[in-house]
All heavy atoms as atom14 arrays in JSON, in Angstrom:
{
  "sequence": "TNVGIADWATAFGVTAAMLDRLLHRATVVGIDGPSYRLRSHQSTSD",
  "atom14_mask": [
    [1, 1, 1, 1, 1, 1, 1, 0, 0, 0, 0, 0, 0, 0],
    [1, 1, 1, 1, 1, 1, 1, 1, 0, 0, 0, 0, 0, 0],
    [1, 1, 1, 1, 1, 1, 1, 0, 0, 0, 0, 0, 0, 0],
    [1, 1, 1, 1, 0, 0, 0, 0, 0, 0, 0, 0, 0, 0],
    [1, 1, 1, 1, 1, 1, 1, 1, 0, 0, 0, 0, 0, 0],
    [1, 1, 1, 1, 1, 0, 0, 0, 0, 0, 0, 0, 0, 0],
    [1, 1, 1, 1, 1, 1, 1, 1, 0, 0, 0, 0, 0, 0],
    [1, 1, 1, 1, 1, 1, 1, 1, 1, 1, 1, 1, 1, 1],
    [1, 1, 1, 1, 1, 0, 0, 0, 0, 0, 0, 0, 0, 0],
    [1, 1, 1, 1, 1, 1, 1, 0, 0, 0, 0, 0, 0, 0],
    [1, 1, 1, 1, 1, 0, 0, 0, 0, 0, 0, 0, 0, 0],
    [1, 1, 1, 1, 1, 1, 1, 1, 1, 1, 1, 0, 0, 0],
    [1, 1, 1, 1, 0, 0, 0, 0, 0, 0, 0, 0, 0, 0],
    [1, 1, 1, 1, 1, 1, 1, 0, 0, 0, 0, 0, 0, 0],
    [1, 1, 1, 1, 1, 1, 1, 0, 0, 0, 0, 0, 0, 0],
    [1, 1, 1, 1, 1, 0, 0, 0, 0, 0, 0, 0, 0, 0],
    [1, 1, 1, 1, 1, 0, 0, 0, 0, 0, 0, 0, 0, 0],
    [1, 1, 1, 1, 1, 1, 1, 1, 0, 0, 0, 0, 0, 0],
    [1, 1, 1, 1, 1, 1, 1, 1, 0, 0, 0, 0, 0, 0],
    [1, 1, 1, 1, 1, 1, 1, 1, 0, 0, 0, 0, 0, 0],
    [1, 1, 1, 1, 1, 1, 1, 1, 1, 1, 1, 0, 0, 0],
    [1, 1, 1, 1, 1, 1, 1, 1, 0, 0, 0, 0, 0, 0],
    [1, 1, 1, 1, 1, 1, 1, 1, 0, 0, 0, 0, 0, 0],
    [1, 1, 1, 1, 1, 1, 1, 1, 1, 1, 0, 0, 0, 0],
    [1, 1, 1, 1, 1, 1, 1, 1, 1, 1, 1, 0, 0, 0],
    [1, 1, 1, 1, 1, 0, 0, 0, 0, 0, 0, 0, 0, 0],
    [1, 1, 1, 1, 1, 1, 1, 0, 0, 0, 0, 0, 0, 0],
    [1, 1, 1, 1, 1, 1, 1, 0, 0, 0, 0, 0, 0, 0],
    [1, 1, 1, 1, 1, 1, 1, 0, 0, 0, 0, 0, 0, 0],
    [1, 1, 1, 1, 0, 0, 0, 0, 0, 0, 0, 0, 0, 0],
    [1, 1, 1, 1, 1, 1, 1, 1, 0, 0, 0, 0, 0, 0],
    [1, 1, 1, 1, 1, 1, 1, 1, 0, 0, 0, 0, 0, 0],
    [1, 1, 1, 1, 0, 0, 0, 0, 0, 0, 0, 0, 0, 0],
    [1, 1, 1, 1, 1, 1, 1, 0, 0, 0, 0, 0, 0, 0],
    [1, 1, 1, 1, 1, 1, 0, 0, 0, 0, 0, 0, 0, 0],
    [1, 1, 1, 1, 1, 1, 1, 1, 1, 1, 1, 1, 0, 0],
    [1, 1, 1, 1, 1, 1, 1, 1, 1, 1, 1, 0, 0, 0],
    [1, 1, 1, 1, 1, 1, 1, 1, 0, 0, 0, 0, 0, 0],
    [1, 1, 1, 1, 1, 1, 1, 1, 1, 1, 1, 0, 0, 0],
    [1, 1, 1, 1, 1, 1, 0, 0, 0, 0, 0, 0, 0, 0],
    [1, 1, 1, 1, 1, 1, 1, 1, 1, 1, 0, 0, 0, 0],
    [1, 1, 1, 1, 1, 1, 1, 1, 1, 0, 0, 0, 0, 0],
    [1, 1, 1, 1, 1, 1, 0, 0, 0, 0, 0, 0, 0, 0],
    [1, 1, 1, 1, 1, 1, 1, 0, 0, 0, 0, 0, 0, 0],
    [1, 1, 1, 1, 1, 1, 0, 0, 0, 0, 0, 0, 0, 0],
    [1, 1, 1, 1, 1, 1, 1, 1, 0, 0, 0, 0, 0, 0]
  ],
  "atom14_positions": [
    [[7.75, -14.47, 25.74], [7.59, -15.06, 24.42], [8.06, -14.07, 23.36], [8.11, -12.87, 23.6], [6.12, -15.45, 24.14], [6.01, -16.01, 22.84], [5.19, -14.26, 24.25], [0.0, 0.0, 0.0], [0.0, 0.0, 0.0], [0.0, 0.0, 0.0], [0.0, 0.0, 0.0], [0.0, 0.0, 0.0], [0.0, 0.0, 0.0], [0.0, 0.0, 0.0]],
    [[8.42, -14.59, 22.22], [8.78, -13.72, 21.11], [7.61, -13.56, 20.14], [7.76, -12.99, 19.08], [10.01, -14.26, 20.37], [9.76, -15.62, 19.74], [8.81, -16.3, 20.08], [10.63, -16.02, 18.84], [0.0, 0.0, 0.0], [0.0, 0.0, 0.0], [0.0, 0.0, 0.0], [0.0, 0.0, 0.0], [0.0, 0.0, 0.0], [0.0, 0.0, 0.0]],
    [[6.45, -14.05, 20.53], [5.24, -13.95, 19.72], [4.43, -12.75, 20.21], [4.2, -12.59, 21.41], [4.39, -15.24, 19.84], [3.11, -15.12, 19.04], [5.19, -16.44, 19.38], [0.0, 0.0, 0.0], [0.0, 0.0, 0.0], [0.0, 0.0, 0.0], [0.0, 0.0, 0.0], [0.0, 0.0, 0.0], [0.0, 0.0, 0.0], [0.0, 0.0, 0.0]],
    [[4.01, -11.9, 19.29], [3.2, -10.75, 19.66], [1.84, -11.15, 20.19], [1.3, -12.2, 19.82], [0.0, 0.0, 0.0], [0.0, 0.0, 0.0], [0.0, 0.0, 0.0], [0.0, 0.0, 0.0], [0.0, 0.0, 0.0], [0.0, 0.0, 0.0], [0.0, 0.0, 0.0], [0.0, 0.0, 0.0], [0.0, 0.0, 0.0], [0.0, 0.0, 0.0]],
    [[1.28, -10.34, 21.07], [-0.01, -10.66, 21.7], [-1.09, -10.91, 20.65], [-1.93, -11.79, 20.82], [-0.43, -9.54, 22.67], [0.54, -9.5, 23.86], [-1.85, -9.75, 23.17], [0.33, -8.34, 24.8], [0.0, 0.0, 0.0], [0.0, 0.0, 0.0], [0.0, 0.0, 0.0], [0.0, 0.0, 0.0], [0.0, 0.0, 0.0], [0.0, 0.0, 0.0]],
    [[-1.07, -10.17, 19.57], [-2.08, -10.34, 18.51], [-2.03, -11.75, 17.91], [-3.05, -12.25, 17.42], [-1.87, -9.3, 17.43], [0.0, 0.0, 0.0], [0.0, 0.0, 0.0], [0.0, 0.0, 0.0], [0.0, 0.0, 0.0], [0.0, 0.0, 0.0], [0.0, 0.0, 0.0], [0.0, 0.0, 0.0], [0.0, 0.0, 0.0], [0.0, 0.0, 0.0]],
    [[-0.89, -12.41, 17.98], [-0.74, -13.74, 17.4], [-0.85, -14.87, 18.42], [-0.7, -16.04, 18.06], [0.61, -13.84, 16.69], [0.72, -12.85, 15.54], [-0.3, -12.59, 14.88], [1.82, -12.34, 15.31], [0.0, 0.0, 0.0], [0.0, 0.0, 0.0], [0.0, 0.0, 0.0], [0.0, 0.0, 0.0], [0.0, 0.0, 0.0], [0.0, 0.0, 0.0]],
    [[-1.11, -14.57, 19.67], [-1.18, -15.6, 20.71], [-2.28, -16.62, 20.46], [-2.1, -17.8, 20.72], [-1.37, -14.97, 22.08], [-0.12, -14.38, 22.66], [1.05, -14.14, 22.02], [0.07, -13.94, 23.99], [1.96, -13.57, 22.87], [1.37, -13.44, 24.09], [-0.75, -13.91, 25.11], [1.88, -12.93, 25.28], [-0.24, -13.41, 26.29], [1.07, -12.92, 26.37]],
    [[-3.42, -16.16, 19.99], [-4.55, -17.07, 19.79], [-4.18, -18.2, 18.83], [-4.46, -19.38, 19.11], [-5.76, -16.32, 19.28], [0.0, 0.0, 0.0], [0.0, 0.0, 0.0], [0.0, 0.0, 0.0], [0.0, 0.0, 0.0], [0.0, 0.0, 0.0], [0.0, 0.0, 0.0], [0.0, 0.0, 0.0], [0.0, 0.0, 0.0], [0.0, 0.0, 0.0]],
    [[-3.53, -17.88, 17.74], [-3.16, -18.92, 16.79], [-1.9, -19.67, 17.22], [-1.81, -20.88, 17.03], [-2.95, -18.34, 15.38], [-2.0, -17.28, 15.45], [-4.24, -17.8, 14.81], [0.0, 0.0, 0.0], [0.0, 0.0, 0.0], [0.0, 0.0, 0.0], [0.0, 0.0, 0.0], [0.0, 0.0, 0.0], [0.0, 0.0, 0.0], [0.0, 0.0, 0.0]],
    [[-0.95, -18.98, 17.82], [0.31, -19.62, 18.2], [0.14, -20.58, 19.36], [0.75, -21.65, 19.39], [1.35, -18.56, 18.55], [0.0, 0.0, 0.0], [0.0, 0.0, 0.0], [0.0, 0.0, 0.0], [0.0, 0.0, 0.0], [0.0, 0.0, 0.0], [0.0, 0.0, 0.0], [0.0, 0.0, 0.0], [0.0, 0.0, 0.0], [0.0, 0.0, 0.0]],
    [[-0.69, -20.22, 20.34], [-0.83, -21.03, 21.54], [-2.17, -21.72, 21.65], [-2.43, -22.44, 22.61], [-0.6, -20.17, 22.8], [0.74, -19.49, 22.79], [0.82, -18.11, 22.89], [1.93, -20.2, 22.7], [2.05, -17.47, 22.89], [3.15, -19.58, 22.69], [3.22, -18.21, 22.79], [0.0, 0.0, 0.0], [0.0, 0.0, 0.0], [0.0, 0.0, 0.0]],
    [[-3.05, -21.5, 20.7], [-4.36, -22.15, 20.71], [-5.24, -21.7, 21.87], [-5.95, -22.52, 22.45], [0.0, 0.0, 0.0], [0.0, 0.0, 0.0], [0.0, 0.0, 0.0], [0.0, 0.0, 0.0], [0.0, 0.0, 0.0], [0.0, 0.0, 0.0], [0.0, 0.0, 0.0], [0.0, 0.0, 0.0], [0.0, 0.0, 0.0], [0.0, 0.0, 0.0]],
    [[-5.19, -20.43, 22.2], [-6.02, -19.91, 23.29], [-7.14, -19.05, 22.72], [-7.03, -18.52, 21.62], [-5.2, -19.09, 24.3], [-4.19, -19.96, 25.01], [-4.52, -17.92, 23.65], [0.0, 0.0, 0.0], [0.0, 0.0, 0.0], [0.0, 0.0, 0.0], [0.0, 0.0, 0.0], [0.0, 0.0, 0.0], [0.0, 0.0, 0.0], [0.0, 0.0, 0.0]],
    [[-8.21, -18.93, 23.47], [-9.34, -18.13, 23.03], [-9.19, -16.69, 23.51], [-8.38, -16.39, 24.39], [-10.66, -18.7, 23.59], [-10.62, -18.59, 25.02], [-10.84, -20.16, 23.18], [0.0, 0.0, 0.0], [0.0, 0.0, 0.0], [0.0, 0.0, 0.0], [0.0, 0.0, 0.0], [0.0, 0.0, 0.0], [0.0, 0.0, 0.0], [0.0, 0.0, 0.0]],
    [[-10.02, -15.82, 22.96], [-10.0, -14.41, 23.36], [-10.34, -14.27, 24.84], [-9.75, -13.44, 25.54], [-10.98, -13.61, 22.51], [0.0, 0.0, 0.0], [0.0, 0.0, 0.0], [0.0, 0.0, 0.0], [0.0, 0.0, 0.0], [0.0, 0.0, 0.0], [0.0, 0.0, 0.0], [0.0, 0.0, 0.0], [0.0, 0.0, 0.0], [0.0, 0.0, 0.0]],
    [[-11.24, -15.1, 25.35], [-11.61, -15.04, 26.77], [-10.42, -15.41, 27.66], [-10.19, -14.8, 28.7], [-12.78, -15.96, 27.05], [0.0, 0.0, 0.0], [0.0, 0.0, 0.0], [0.0, 0.0, 0.0], [0.0, 0.0, 0.0], [0.0, 0.0, 0.0], [0.0, 0.0, 0.0], [0.0, 0.0, 0.0], [0.0, 0.0, 0.0], [0.0, 0.0, 0.0]],
    [[-9.66, -16.41, 27.24], [-8.48, -16.81, 28.01], [-7.44, -15.69, 28.0], [-6.81, -15.41, 29.03], [-7.89, -18.1, 27.44], [-8.78, -19.31, 27.64], [-8.2, -20.77, 26.75], [-6.76, -21.19, 27.67], [0.0, 0.0, 0.0], [0.0, 0.0, 0.0], [0.0, 0.0, 0.0], [0.0, 0.0, 0.0], [0.0, 0.0, 0.0], [0.0, 0.0, 0.0]],
    [[-7.24, -15.06, 26.85], [-6.29, -13.95, 26.76], [-6.74, -12.78, 27.64], [-5.93, -12.15, 28.31], [-6.15, -13.48, 25.32], [-5.35, -14.39, 24.39], [-5.42, -13.88, 22.96], [-3.93, -14.51, 24.85], [0.0, 0.0, 0.0], [0.0, 0.0, 0.0], [0.0, 0.0, 0.0], [0.0, 0.0, 0.0], [0.0, 0.0, 0.0], [0.0, 0.0, 0.0]],
    [[-8.06, -12.53, 27.64], [-8.6, -11.45, 28.47], [-8.29, -11.7, 29.94], [-7.86, -10.8, 30.65], [-10.1, -11.33, 28.25], [-10.71, -10.21, 29.05], [-10.24, -9.06, 28.91], [-11.64, -10.48, 29.84], [0.0, 0.0, 0.0], [0.0, 0.0, 0.0], [0.0, 0.0, 0.0], [0.0, 0.0, 0.0], [0.0, 0.0, 0.0], [0.0, 0.0, 0.0]],
    [[-8.48, -12.92, 30.39], [-8.21, -13.25, 31.79], [-6.72, -13.2, 32.11], [-6.32, -12.78, 33.19], [-8.8, -14.6, 32.13], [-10.32, -14.53, 32.28], [-10.96, -15.91, 32.28], [-12.4, -15.85, 32.43], [-13.25, -15.53, 31.47], [-12.81, -15.21, 30.28], [-14.55, -15.51, 31.68], [0.0, 0.0, 0.0], [0.0, 0.0, 0.0], [0.0, 0.0, 0.0]],
    [[-5.91, -13.64, 31.19], [-4.47, -13.63, 31.4], [-3.91, -12.21, 31.47], [-3.08, -11.89, 32.32], [-3.76, -14.4, 30.27], [-2.25, -14.43, 30.31], [-1.77, -15.22, 31.53], [-1.69, -15.04, 29.04], [0.0, 0.0, 0.0], [0.0, 0.0, 0.0], [0.0, 0.0, 0.0], [0.0, 0.0, 0.0], [0.0, 0.0, 0.0], [0.0, 0.0, 0.0]],
    [[-4.4, -11.34, 30.61], [-3.85, -9.98, 30.5], [-4.59, -8.95, 31.36], [-4.16, -7.8, 31.42], [-3.87, -9.54, 29.04], [-2.98, -10.36, 28.11], [-3.24, -9.98, 26.66], [-1.53, -10.2, 28.47], [0.0, 0.0, 0.0], [0.0, 0.0, 0.0], [0.0, 0.0, 0.0], [0.0, 0.0, 0.0], [0.0, 0.0, 0.0], [0.0, 0.0, 0.0]],
    [[-5.65, -9.36, 32.04], [-6.49, -8.41, 32.78], [-5.68, -7.54, 33.74], [-5.81, -6.33, 33.77], [-7.58, -9.16, 33.55], [-8.41, -8.28, 34.42], [-9.26, -7.32, 33.89], [-8.52, -8.18, 35.75], [-9.86, -6.69, 34.88], [-9.43, -7.18, 36.04], [0.0, 0.0, 0.0], [0.0, 0.0, 0.0], [0.0, 0.0, 0.0], [0.0, 0.0, 0.0]],
    [[-4.83, -8.13, 34.54], [-4.02, -7.36, 35.5], [-2.53, -7.46, 35.19], [-1.7, -7.15, 36.03], [-4.28, -7.85, 36.92], [-5.69, -7.55, 37.37], [-5.87, -7.89, 38.81], [-7.24, -7.66, 39.18], [-7.61, -6.75, 40.06], [-6.72, -6.0, 40.65], [-8.88, -6.59, 40.36], [0.0, 0.0, 0.0], [0.0, 0.0, 0.0], [0.0, 0.0, 0.0]],
    [[-2.22, -7.89, 34.0], [-0.82, -8.08, 33.62], [-0.16, -6.75, 33.28], [-0.82, -5.79, 32.9], [-0.73, -9.01, 32.41], [0.0, 0.0, 0.0], [0.0, 0.0, 0.0], [0.0, 0.0, 0.0], [0.0, 0.0, 0.0], [0.0, 0.0, 0.0], [0.0, 0.0, 0.0], [0.0, 0.0, 0.0], [0.0, 0.0, 0.0], [0.0, 0.0, 0.0]],
    [[1.13, -6.74, 33.4], [1.94, -5.64, 32.91], [2.74, -6.17, 31.73], [3.51, -7.12, 31.88], [2.9, -5.13, 34.0], [2.14, -4.7, 35.12], [3.75, -3.99, 33.48], [0.0, 0.0, 0.0], [0.0, 0.0, 0.0], [0.0, 0.0, 0.0], [0.0, 0.0, 0.0], [0.0, 0.0, 0.0], [0.0, 0.0, 0.0], [0.0, 0.0, 0.0]],
    [[2.52, -5.62, 30.57], [3.2, -6.08, 29.37], [4.43, -5.19, 29.17], [4.33, -3.97, 29.09], [2.27, -6.01, 28.14], [3.02, -6.42, 26.88], [1.04, -6.88, 28.37], [0.0, 0.0, 0.0], [0.0, 0.0, 0.0], [0.0, 0.0, 0.0], [0.0, 0.0, 0.0], [0.0, 0.0, 0.0], [0.0, 0.0, 0.0], [0.0, 0.0, 0.0]],
    [[5.58, -5.83, 29.09], [6.85, -5.12, 28.92], [7.47, -5.59, 27.61], [7.76, -6.77, 27.45], [7.81, -5.4, 30.1], [9.14, -4.7, 29.88], [7.19, -5.01, 31.41], [0.0, 0.0, 0.0], [0.0, 0.0, 0.0], [0.0, 0.0, 0.0], [0.0, 0.0, 0.0], [0.0, 0.0, 0.0], [0.0, 0.0, 0.0], [0.0, 0.0, 0.0]],
    [[7.64, -4.67, 26.7], [8.3, -5.0, 25.44], [9.81, -4.86, 25.59], [10.29, -3.82, 26.03], [0.0, 0.0, 0.0], [0.0, 0.0, 0.0], [0.0, 0.0, 0.0], [0.0, 0.0, 0.0], [0.0, 0.0, 0.0], [0.0, 0.0, 0.0], [0.0, 0.0, 0.0], [0.0, 0.0, 0.0], [0.0, 0.0, 0.0], [0.0, 0.0, 0.0]],
    [[10.52, -5.91, 25.28], [11.97, -5.9, 25.39], [12.54, -6.03, 23.99], [12.24, -6.98, 23.28], [12.47, -7.05, 26.28], [11.86, -6.95, 27.67], [14.0, -7.06, 26.35], [12.14, -8.14, 28.55], [0.0, 0.0, 0.0], [0.0, 0.0, 0.0], [0.0, 0.0, 0.0], [0.0, 0.0, 0.0], [0.0, 0.0, 0.0], [0.0, 0.0, 0.0]],
    [[13.36, -5.07, 23.61], [13.95, -5.09, 22.28], [15.46, -5.12, 22.43], [16.03, -4.36, 23.2], [13.52, -3.83, 21.52], [13.91, -3.87, 20.06], [14.06, -4.99, 19.52], [14.07, -2.8, 19.47], [0.0, 0.0, 0.0], [0.0, 0.0, 0.0], [0.0, 0.0, 0.0], [0.0, 0.0, 0.0], [0.0, 0.0, 0.0], [0.0, 0.0, 0.0]],
    [[16.09, -6.03, 21.76], [17.53, -6.13, 21.84], [17.98, -7.56, 21.59], [17.18, -8.44, 21.3], [0.0, 0.0, 0.0], [0.0, 0.0, 0.0], [0.0, 0.0, 0.0], [0.0, 0.0, 0.0], [0.0, 0.0, 0.0], [0.0, 0.0, 0.0], [0.0, 0.0, 0.0], [0.0, 0.0, 0.0], [0.0, 0.0, 0.0], [0.0, 0.0, 0.0]],
    [[19.26, -7.81, 21.72], [19.78, -9.14, 21.46], [19.33, -10.14, 22.51], [19.12, -9.8, 23.68], [21.3, -8.96, 21.5], [21.52, -7.73, 22.31], [20.32, -6.86, 22.09], [0.0, 0.0, 0.0], [0.0, 0.0, 0.0], [0.0, 0.0, 0.0], [0.0, 0.0, 0.0], [0.0, 0.0, 0.0], [0.0, 0.0, 0.0], [0.0, 0.0, 0.0]],
    [[19.18, -11.37, 22.11], [18.74, -12.44, 23.01], [19.87, -12.85, 23.93], [20.98, -13.15, 23.49], [18.29, -13.65, 22.19], [18.09, -14.77, 23.03], [0.0, 0.0, 0.0], [0.0, 0.0, 0.0], [0.0, 0.0, 0.0], [0.0, 0.0, 0.0], [0.0, 0.0, 0.0], [0.0, 0.0, 0.0], [0.0, 0.0, 0.0], [0.0, 0.0, 0.0]],
    [[19.58, -12.9, 25.22], [20.57, -13.34, 26.2], [20.9, -14.82, 26.01], [22.04, -15.23, 26.09], [20.04, -13.09, 27.62], [20.98, -13.57, 28.69], [22.11, -12.83, 29.02], [20.74, -14.75, 29.37], [22.98, -13.26, 30.01], [21.61, -15.19, 30.35], [22.72, -14.44, 30.67], [23.58, -14.88, 31.64], [0.0, 0.0, 0.0], [0.0, 0.0, 0.0]],
    [[19.87, -15.62, 25.72], [20.07, -17.06, 25.57], [20.88, -17.4, 24.32], [21.59, -18.39, 24.3], [18.73, -17.78, 25.51], [17.98, -17.73, 26.83], [16.66, -18.44, 26.71], [15.83, -17.69, 25.79], [14.85, -18.23, 25.08], [14.57, -19.5, 25.18], [14.13, -17.49, 24.28], [0.0, 0.0, 0.0], [0.0, 0.0, 0.0], [0.0, 0.0, 0.0]],
    [[20.77, -16.6, 23.28], [21.45, -16.9, 22.02], [22.81, -16.23, 21.9], [23.48, -16.37, 20.88], [20.57, -16.5, 20.85], [19.28, -17.29, 20.68], [18.48, -16.74, 19.52], [19.58, -18.76, 20.48], [0.0, 0.0, 0.0], [0.0, 0.0, 0.0], [0.0, 0.0, 0.0], [0.0, 0.0, 0.0], [0.0, 0.0, 0.0], [0.0, 0.0, 0.0]],
    [[23.24, -15.51, 22.93], [24.47, -14.74, 22.87], [25.68, -15.62, 22.5], [26.47, -15.27, 21.63], [24.71, -14.05, 24.21], [25.95, -13.21, 24.25], [26.09, -12.48, 25.55], [25.97, -13.43, 26.66], [25.92, -13.1, 27.93], [25.95, -11.83, 28.27], [25.82, -13.99, 28.86], [0.0, 0.0, 0.0], [0.0, 0.0, 0.0], [0.0, 0.0, 0.0]],
    [[25.83, -16.76, 23.16], [26.96, -17.65, 22.89], [26.9, -18.19, 21.47], [27.9, -18.23, 20.76], [26.97, -18.8, 23.89], [27.97, -19.73, 23.56], [0.0, 0.0, 0.0], [0.0, 0.0, 0.0], [0.0, 0.0, 0.0], [0.0, 0.0, 0.0], [0.0, 0.0, 0.0], [0.0, 0.0, 0.0], [0.0, 0.0, 0.0], [0.0, 0.0, 0.0]],
    [[25.72, -18.61, 21.04], [25.55, -19.14, 19.69], [25.88, -18.08, 18.65], [26.54, -18.36, 17.65], [24.13, -19.65, 19.5], [23.81, -20.03, 18.09], [24.3, -21.16, 17.51], [23.06, -19.41, 17.16], [23.87, -21.23, 16.26], [23.11, -20.18, 16.03], [0.0, 0.0, 0.0], [0.0, 0.0, 0.0], [0.0, 0.0, 0.0], [0.0, 0.0, 0.0]],
    [[25.42, -16.86, 18.87], [25.66, -15.79, 17.92], [27.14, -15.46, 17.84], [27.67, -15.19, 16.76], [24.85, -14.55, 18.3], [23.37, -14.74, 18.07], [22.52, -13.64, 18.67], [22.96, -12.94, 19.57], [21.3, -13.51, 18.19], [0.0, 0.0, 0.0], [0.0, 0.0, 0.0], [0.0, 0.0, 0.0], [0.0, 0.0, 0.0], [0.0, 0.0, 0.0]],
    [[27.84, -15.51, 18.96], [29.27, -15.24, 18.98], [30.02, -16.3, 18.17], [30.89, -15.98, 17.37], [29.78, -15.21, 20.42], [31.17, -15.1, 20.46], [0.0, 0.0, 0.0], [0.0, 0.0, 0.0], [0.0, 0.0, 0.0], [0.0, 0.0, 0.0], [0.0, 0.0, 0.0], [0.0, 0.0, 0.0], [0.0, 0.0, 0.0], [0.0, 0.0, 0.0]],
    [[29.66, -17.56, 18.38], [30.3, -18.65, 17.64], [30.03, -18.55, 16.15], [30.94, -18.72, 15.33], [29.8, -20.01, 18.17], [30.08, -20.09, 19.57], [30.47, -21.16, 17.45], [0.0, 0.0, 0.0], [0.0, 0.0, 0.0], [0.0, 0.0, 0.0], [0.0, 0.0, 0.0], [0.0, 0.0, 0.0], [0.0, 0.0, 0.0], [0.0, 0.0, 0.0]],
    [[28.78, -18.26, 15.78], [28.45, -18.17, 14.35], [29.15, -16.97, 13.7], [29.56, -17.05, 12.54], [26.94, -18.11, 14.14], [26.4, -16.94, 14.69], [0.0, 0.0, 0.0], [0.0, 0.0, 0.0], [0.0, 0.0, 0.0], [0.0, 0.0, 0.0], [0.0, 0.0, 0.0], [0.0, 0.0, 0.0], [0.0, 0.0, 0.0], [0.0, 0.0, 0.0]],
    [[29.31, -15.88, 14.44], [30.04, -14.73, 13.9], [31.5, -15.09, 13.63], [32.06, -14.71, 12.59], [29.98, -13.54, 14.86], [28.62, -12.88, 14.9], [27.81, -13.13, 13.96], [28.36, -12.14, 15.85], [0.0, 0.0, 0.0], [0.0, 0.0, 0.0], [0.0, 0.0, 0.0], [0.0, 0.0, 0.0], [0.0, 0.0, 0.0], [0.0, 0.0, 0.0]]
  ]
}
């Protein structure tokens, strides 16, 4: 997702308990850079 974890509760309508269970054993990887899915669109718009 492109939504930060702090905003998940409002963006996805989940509770803190649900987030706790989801992230309990999760590995969170922050990826910074251009979107692979939007690459073609960005090339055309450029």
